[in-house]
C-alpha atoms as a PDB file:
ATOM      1  CA  MET A   1     189.119-101.914 258.504  1.00  0.00           C
ATOM      2  CA  GLY A   2     185.827-100.350 257.433  1.00  0.00           C
ATOM      3  CA  SER A   3     183.790-102.039 260.158  1.00  0.00           C
ATOM      4  CA  HIS A   4     186.100-100.601 262.794  1.00  0.00           C
ATOM      5  CA  ALA A   5     185.798 -97.104 261.331  1.00  0.00           C
ATOM      6  CA  ALA A   6     181.993 -97.477 261.231  1.00  0.00           C
ATOM      7  CA  GLY A   7     181.919 -98.676 264.818  1.00  0.00           C
ATOM      8  CA  GLU A   8     180.168-101.898 263.808  1.00  0.00           C
ATOM      9  CA  PRO A   9     181.961-105.128 264.711  1.00  0.00           C
ATOM     10  CA  LEU A  10     182.011-107.963 262.210  1.00  0.00           C
ATOM     11  CA  THR A  11     179.888-111.030 262.824  1.00  0.00           C
ATOM     12  CA  PRO A  12     181.650-114.389 263.189  1.00  0.00           C
ATOM     13  CA  ALA A  13     180.494-115.317 259.661  1.00  0.00           C
ATOM     14  CA  GLN A  14     181.955-112.101 258.255  1.00  0.00           C
ATOM     15  CA  ILE A  15     185.254-112.823 259.969  1.00  0.00           C
ATOM     16  CA  GLU A  16     185.354-116.383 258.567  1.00  0.00           C
ATOM     17  CA  ALA A  17     184.344-115.450 254.991  1.00  0.00           C
ATOM     18  CA  PRO A  18     187.756-114.131 253.783  1.00  0.00           C
ATOM     19  CA  ASP A  19     189.449-117.246 255.179  1.00  0.00           C
ATOM     20  CA  ALA A  20     187.015-119.448 253.247  1.00  0.00           C
ATOM     21  CA  VAL A  21     187.747-117.509 250.045  1.00  0.00           C
ATOM     22  CA  ASP A  22     191.502-117.851 250.631  1.00  0.00           C
ATOM     23  CA  GLU A  23     191.101-121.588 251.116  1.00  0.00           C
ATOM     24  CA  VAL A  24     189.237-121.994 247.814  1.00  0.00           C
ATOM     25  CA  LEU A  25     191.689-119.760 245.931  1.00  0.00           C
ATOM     26  CA  GLY A  26     194.607-121.798 247.257  1.00  0.00           C
ATOM     27  CA  ASP A  27     193.147-125.140 246.155  1.00  0.00           C
ATOM     28  CA  GLU A  28     195.288-126.056 243.143  1.00  0.00           C
ATOM     29  CA  SER A  29     192.882-128.849 242.197  1.00  0.00           C
ATOM     30  CA  LEU A  30     190.559-126.054 241.030  1.00  0.00           C
ATOM     31  CA  PHE A  31     193.206-124.402 238.824  1.00  0.00           C
ATOM     32  CA  LEU A  32     192.976-124.593 235.055  1.00  0.00           C
ATOM     33  CA  ARG A  33     196.354-124.058 233.446  1.00  0.00           C
ATOM     34  CA  LEU A  34     196.319-123.007 229.812  1.00  0.00           C
ATOM     35  CA  PRO A  35     199.740-122.888 228.178  1.00  0.00           C
ATOM     36  CA  LEU A  36     199.494-120.214 225.495  1.00  0.00           C
ATOM     37  CA  ARG A  37     201.543-120.502 222.342  1.00  0.00           C
ATOM     38  CA  ARG A  38     202.365-118.086 219.573  1.00  0.00           C
ATOM     39  CA  GLY A  39     199.159-116.875 217.925  1.00  0.00           C
ATOM     40  CA  ASP A  40     196.874-117.958 220.791  1.00  0.00           C
ATOM     41  CA  LEU A  41     194.174-115.616 222.026  1.00  0.00           C
ATOM     42  CA  LEU A  42     192.567-115.855 225.430  1.00  0.00           C
ATOM     43  CA  VAL A  43     189.417-113.875 226.196  1.00  0.00           C
ATOM     44  CA  LEU A  44     188.108-113.823 229.767  1.00  0.00           C
ATOM     45  CA  ASP A  45     185.026-112.288 231.325  1.00  0.00           C
ATOM     46  CA  ASN A  46     186.146-110.693 234.587  1.00  0.00           C
ATOM     47  CA  THR A  47     182.588-110.873 235.927  1.00  0.00           C
ATOM     48  CA  THR A  48     182.534-114.682 235.761  1.00  0.00           C
ATOM     49  CA  VAL A  49     186.148-115.889 235.969  1.00  0.00           C
ATOM     50  CA  LEU A  50     188.783-115.213 238.582  1.00  0.00           C
ATOM     51  CA  HIS A  51     192.082-115.395 236.761  1.00  0.00           C
ATOM     52  CA  GLY A  52     195.757-114.775 237.094  1.00  0.00           C
ATOM     53  CA  ARG A  53     198.940-115.860 235.433  1.00  0.00           C
ATOM     54  CA  THR A  54     202.174-117.477 236.393  1.00  0.00           C
ATOM     55  CA  SER A  55     205.536-115.818 235.911  1.00  0.00           C
ATOM     56  CA  PHE A  56     207.463-116.209 232.685  1.00  0.00           C
ATOM     57  CA  VAL A  57     210.839-115.339 231.231  1.00  0.00           C
ATOM     58  CA  ASP A  58     210.552-113.429 227.983  1.00  0.00           C
ATOM     59  CA  HIS A  59     212.862-113.853 225.013  1.00  0.00           C
ATOM     60  CA  PRO A  60     216.074-111.792 225.300  1.00  0.00           C
ATOM     61  CA  ASP A  61     215.720-110.512 221.705  1.00  0.00           C
ATOM     62  CA  PRO A  62     213.342-107.494 221.774  1.00  0.00           C
ATOM     63  CA  LEU A  63     211.982-108.442 218.352  1.00  0.00           C
ATOM     64  CA  ARG A  64     210.942-111.878 219.626  1.00  0.00           C
ATOM     65  CA  ARG A  65     209.331-110.843 222.898  1.00  0.00           C
ATOM     66  CA  ARG A  66     205.700-111.558 223.502  1.00  0.00           C
ATOM     67  CA  CYS A  67     203.099-108.920 222.824  1.00  0.00           C
ATOM     68  CA  LEU A  68     200.464-108.630 225.514  1.00  0.00           C
ATOM     69  CA  ALA A  69     197.583-106.404 224.504  1.00  0.00           C
ATOM     70  CA  ARG A  70     194.736-105.755 226.892  1.00  0.00           C
ATOM     71  CA  SER A  71     191.360-104.618 225.794  1.00  0.00           C
ATOM     72  CA  THR A  72     188.120-103.781 227.538  1.00  0.00           C
ATOM     73  CA  ALA A  73     184.667-104.575 226.213  1.00  0.00           C
ATOM     74  CA  ILE A  74     181.817-102.994 228.132  1.00  0.00           C
ATOM     75  CA  ARG A  75     178.370-104.535 227.873  1.00  0.00           C
ATOM     76  CA  PRO A  76     175.630-102.030 227.173  1.00  0.00           C
ATOM     77  CA  THR A  77     173.291-101.592 230.092  1.00  0.00           C
ATOM     78  CA  SER A  78     169.555-101.385 229.729  1.00  0.00           C
ATOM     79  CA  ARG A  79     168.037 -98.103 230.781  1.00  0.00           C
ATOM     80  CA  SER A  80     164.713 -98.169 232.557  1.00  0.00           C
ATOM     81  CA  ALA A  81     162.353 -95.305 231.872  1.00  0.00           C
END
């Protein structure tokens, strides 16, 4: 752990924080499940949405398997003079 290597012990709040995050992430009442169908497109902003996906079984015919394409869009940053 980084705090151990730095010789600085974590505060009680810092120790509790990851447990609080785990509790929220495990709360299925906060999940939004979006079943995607052929032709659907889902665009997510990784800076505002924590996302994942469930497992799936793809079609056995290689010509009918899903196509998952990932793309990255980088927002231009403003440069201060």
